[in-house]
Protein backbone atom coordinates (compact mmCIF):
# COMPACT_ATOMS: atom_id res chain seq x y z
CA UNK A 1 37.30 -10.64 222.18
CA UNK A 2 40.32 -9.64 224.22
CA UNK A 3 40.46 -7.49 227.36
CA UNK A 4 43.81 -5.74 227.73
CA UNK A 5 45.52 -2.69 229.17
CA UNK A 6 44.85 0.38 227.08
CA UNK A 7 47.73 1.94 225.15
CA UNK A 8 48.09 5.49 223.85
CA UNK A 9 47.27 4.15 220.38
CA UNK A 10 43.78 3.27 221.73
CA UNK A 11 43.01 6.76 223.04
CA UNK A 12 41.32 8.20 219.96
CA UNK A 13 39.15 5.08 219.50
CA UNK A 14 38.10 5.18 223.16
CA UNK A 15 37.33 8.91 222.95
CA UNK A 16 35.16 8.27 219.87
CA UNK A 17 33.32 5.46 221.65
CA UNK A 18 32.72 7.67 224.70
CA UNK A 19 31.54 10.59 222.56
CA UNK A 20 29.21 8.37 220.56
CA UNK A 21 27.62 7.29 223.84
CA UNK A 22 27.37 10.81 225.30
CA UNK A 23 29.95 10.15 228.01
CA UNK A 24 32.37 12.83 229.22
CA UNK A 25 35.95 13.01 227.97
CA UNK A 26 37.17 15.22 230.82
CA UNK A 27 39.99 13.44 232.62
CA UNK A 28 40.21 10.49 230.20
CA UNK A 29 43.56 11.47 228.68
CA UNK A 30 45.09 12.21 232.10
CA UNK A 31 44.03 8.82 233.50
CA UNK A 32 44.39 6.65 230.40
CA UNK A 33 47.20 4.62 231.98
CA UNK A 34 44.53 3.13 234.27
CA UNK A 35 42.16 2.02 231.49
CA UNK A 36 41.30 -1.36 230.06
CA UNK A 37 39.88 -1.90 226.59
CA UNK A 38 37.90 -4.69 224.97
CA UNK A 39 39.07 -5.39 221.44
CA UNK A 40 37.39 -7.55 218.84
CA UNK A 41 38.71 -8.01 215.33
CA UNK A 42 41.12 -5.10 215.78
CA UNK A 43 38.35 -2.71 216.85
CA UNK A 44 37.89 -1.22 220.31
CA UNK A 45 34.41 -2.28 221.41
CA UNK A 46 34.54 -1.28 225.07
CA UNK A 47 36.54 0.52 227.71
CA UNK A 48 36.64 1.22 231.42
CA UNK A 49 38.99 3.17 233.66
CA UNK A 50 40.00 4.07 237.17
CA UNK A 51 40.83 7.59 238.23
CA UNK A 52 42.94 7.06 241.36
CA UNK A 53 43.19 9.32 244.41
CA UNK A 54 45.62 7.80 246.92
CA UNK A 55 43.74 4.83 248.41
CA UNK A 56 40.41 5.34 246.60
CA UNK A 57 39.35 5.55 242.97
CA UNK A 58 36.57 6.64 240.67
CA UNK A 59 35.39 3.97 238.23
CA UNK A 60 34.79 5.92 235.04
CA UNK A 61 34.15 5.76 231.33
CA UNK A 62 32.55 2.31 231.34
CA UNK A 63 31.31 1.94 227.80
CA UNK A 64 30.45 -0.84 225.35
CA UNK A 65 29.61 -0.29 221.70
CA UNK A 66 25.90 -0.64 220.97
CA UNK A 67 26.53 -3.68 218.76
CA UNK A 68 28.21 -5.56 221.61
CA UNK A 69 25.86 -4.80 224.50
CA UNK A 70 24.32 -7.84 226.11
CA UNK A 71 27.26 -10.09 225.19
CA UNK A 72 29.09 -9.96 228.53
CA UNK A 73 31.70 -7.40 227.43
CA UNK A 74 30.60 -4.88 230.05
CA UNK A 75 30.56 -7.48 232.80
CA UNK A 76 34.07 -8.64 231.87
CA UNK A 77 35.40 -5.07 231.85
CA UNK A 78 33.89 -4.27 235.25
CA UNK A 79 35.17 -7.51 236.78
CA UNK A 80 38.67 -6.95 235.43
CA UNK A 81 38.93 -3.34 236.59
CA UNK A 82 37.70 -4.34 240.06
CA UNK A 83 40.32 -7.09 240.23
CA UNK A 84 42.90 -4.42 239.44
CA UNK A 85 41.50 -2.22 242.23
CA UNK A 86 41.76 -5.15 244.64
CA UNK A 87 45.32 -5.94 243.58
CA UNK A 88 46.27 -2.32 244.18
CA UNK A 89 44.68 -2.41 247.64
CA UNK A 90 42.27 0.45 247.08
CA UNK A 91 40.04 1.15 250.09
CA UNK A 92 36.98 2.09 248.03
CA UNK A 93 35.82 2.60 244.45
CA UNK A 94 33.15 5.17 243.60
CA UNK A 95 31.16 5.82 240.45
CA UNK A 96 28.53 8.15 239.09
CA UNK A 97 25.76 6.84 236.86
CA UNK A 98 22.63 8.18 235.26
CA UNK A 99 21.50 4.88 233.71
CA UNK A 100 23.07 1.87 235.46
CA UNK A 101 22.06 2.13 239.12
CA UNK A 102 20.53 -1.37 238.96
CA UNK A 103 23.54 -2.90 237.17
CA UNK A 104 26.39 -2.22 239.59
CA UNK A 105 25.10 -3.81 242.84
CA UNK A 106 25.96 -7.26 241.43
CA UNK A 107 29.62 -6.14 241.62
CA UNK A 108 29.37 -5.07 245.27
CA UNK A 109 28.39 -1.43 244.72
CA UNK A 110 25.72 0.23 246.83
CA UNK A 111 24.06 3.58 246.52
CA UNK A 112 25.81 6.36 248.39
CA UNK A 113 25.61 10.11 248.78
CA UNK A 114 27.91 12.85 247.58
CA UNK A 115 28.50 13.84 251.20
CA UNK A 116 30.25 10.51 251.96
CA UNK A 117 32.59 10.68 248.96
CA UNK A 118 36.18 11.72 249.82
CA UNK A 119 37.06 15.30 248.88
CA UNK A 120 39.76 14.14 246.45
CA UNK A 121 37.18 12.19 244.41
CA UNK A 122 34.73 15.10 244.58
CA UNK A 123 37.46 17.24 243.00
CA UNK A 124 37.46 15.03 239.85
CA UNK A 125 36.10 16.43 236.60
CA UNK A 126 33.17 14.01 236.74
CA UNK A 127 32.04 15.24 240.17
CA UNK A 128 32.77 18.89 239.35
CA UNK A 129 30.39 18.97 236.42
CA UNK A 130 31.14 16.47 233.65
CA UNK A 131 28.33 14.35 235.11
CA UNK A 132 25.01 15.95 236.05
CA UNK A 133 24.12 16.60 239.69
CA UNK A 134 21.30 14.07 239.25
CA UNK A 135 23.80 11.22 238.69
CA UNK A 136 23.59 8.50 241.32
CA UNK A 137 26.67 7.99 243.49
CA UNK A 138 27.65 4.38 244.08
CA UNK A 139 30.39 3.02 246.33
CA UNK A 140 32.22 -0.27 246.70
CA UNK A 141 34.29 -0.73 249.83
CA UNK A 142 37.90 -1.90 249.95
CA UNK A 143 39.78 -4.91 248.74
CA UNK A 144 39.16 -7.12 251.78
CA UNK A 145 35.41 -6.58 251.55
CA UNK A 146 35.32 -6.56 247.77
CA UNK A 147 37.07 -9.87 247.30
CA UNK A 148 34.22 -11.52 249.18
CA UNK A 149 31.78 -9.99 246.67
CA UNK A 150 33.41 -11.23 243.48
CA UNK A 151 33.06 -14.95 242.84
CA UNK A 152 36.26 -16.74 243.83
CA UNK A 153 38.14 -17.56 240.68
CA UNK A 154 41.68 -17.31 239.44
CA UNK A 155 42.29 -13.62 238.84
CA UNK A 156 43.74 -12.61 235.47
CA UNK A 157 47.16 -11.01 235.64
CA UNK A 158 47.39 -7.24 235.26
CA UNK A 159 49.21 -7.71 231.99
CA UNK A 160 46.81 -10.28 230.57
CA UNK A 161 46.12 -9.82 226.90
CA UNK A 162 43.73 -12.74 226.64
CA UNK A 163 40.27 -13.19 228.08
CA UNK A 164 39.98 -15.51 231.04
CA UNK A 165 39.40 -19.13 230.11
CA UNK A 166 36.09 -20.66 231.07
CA UNK A 167 37.81 -22.31 234.03
CA UNK A 168 39.00 -18.89 235.25
CA UNK A 169 36.06 -16.65 234.43
CA UNK A 170 33.90 -15.74 237.44
CA UNK A 171 30.67 -16.01 235.41
CA UNK A 172 31.25 -19.75 234.96
CA UNK A 173 30.54 -20.10 238.68
CA UNK A 174 27.08 -18.56 238.33
CA UNK A 175 23.92 -20.43 237.48
CA UNK A 176 22.76 -20.28 233.84
CA UNK A 177 19.92 -17.94 234.84
CA UNK A 178 22.32 -15.58 236.60
CA UNK A 179 24.72 -15.69 233.64
CA UNK A 180 21.85 -14.77 231.30
CA UNK A 181 20.90 -11.89 233.60
CA UNK A 182 24.47 -10.61 233.72
CA UNK A 183 24.81 -10.76 229.96
CA UNK A 184 21.57 -8.94 229.22
CA UNK A 185 21.57 -6.49 232.10
CA UNK A 186 23.64 -3.87 230.35
CA UNK A 187 20.75 -3.08 228.04
CA UNK A 188 18.36 -1.04 230.21
CA UNK A 189 16.27 1.81 228.83
CA UNK A 190 19.35 3.47 227.41
CA UNK A 191 23.02 2.66 227.25
CA UNK A 192 24.11 1.41 230.67
CA UNK A 193 27.21 3.19 231.79
CA UNK A 194 28.51 5.33 234.59
CA UNK A 195 28.80 8.98 233.70
């Protein structure tokens, strides 16, 4: 499996994966330059993106194919996109989720309210209606705070086309029990993903 920057050639595969998992397509095309994909055997098996608004962003379209859930693909995608957010110096990252409220705190996210979300983020398609009003808002504060929340490890470069080696990967710093929990946690009642 390889995590890499998405290219325009990946767009239709990512849109199919999102549609298959009942995730919104609104805003995907416009923000596809800020997406990462997980590829295995030439197939796109996961994706995640950032929709940026000045110094904050919306983490969006986190999806892993049903066949690859519980294998660490989702964890790797989230970690990589958050490293990108840190490298870009974003002050905060927000997300909306209907199924993964218990998954994202391990990455430094905490539950928030719509009232505390910046107006620019609230103007996104996801906040304006692509996600239901019942979706939980989660927030992760800026790069200085966030880097204390990710395990210290060598960060992959933005242009990396290979997965991190075991000596680089943050999950290698976790206990075996924690690793097992991370790998299986993206299989709650339904597909775990922000909406």
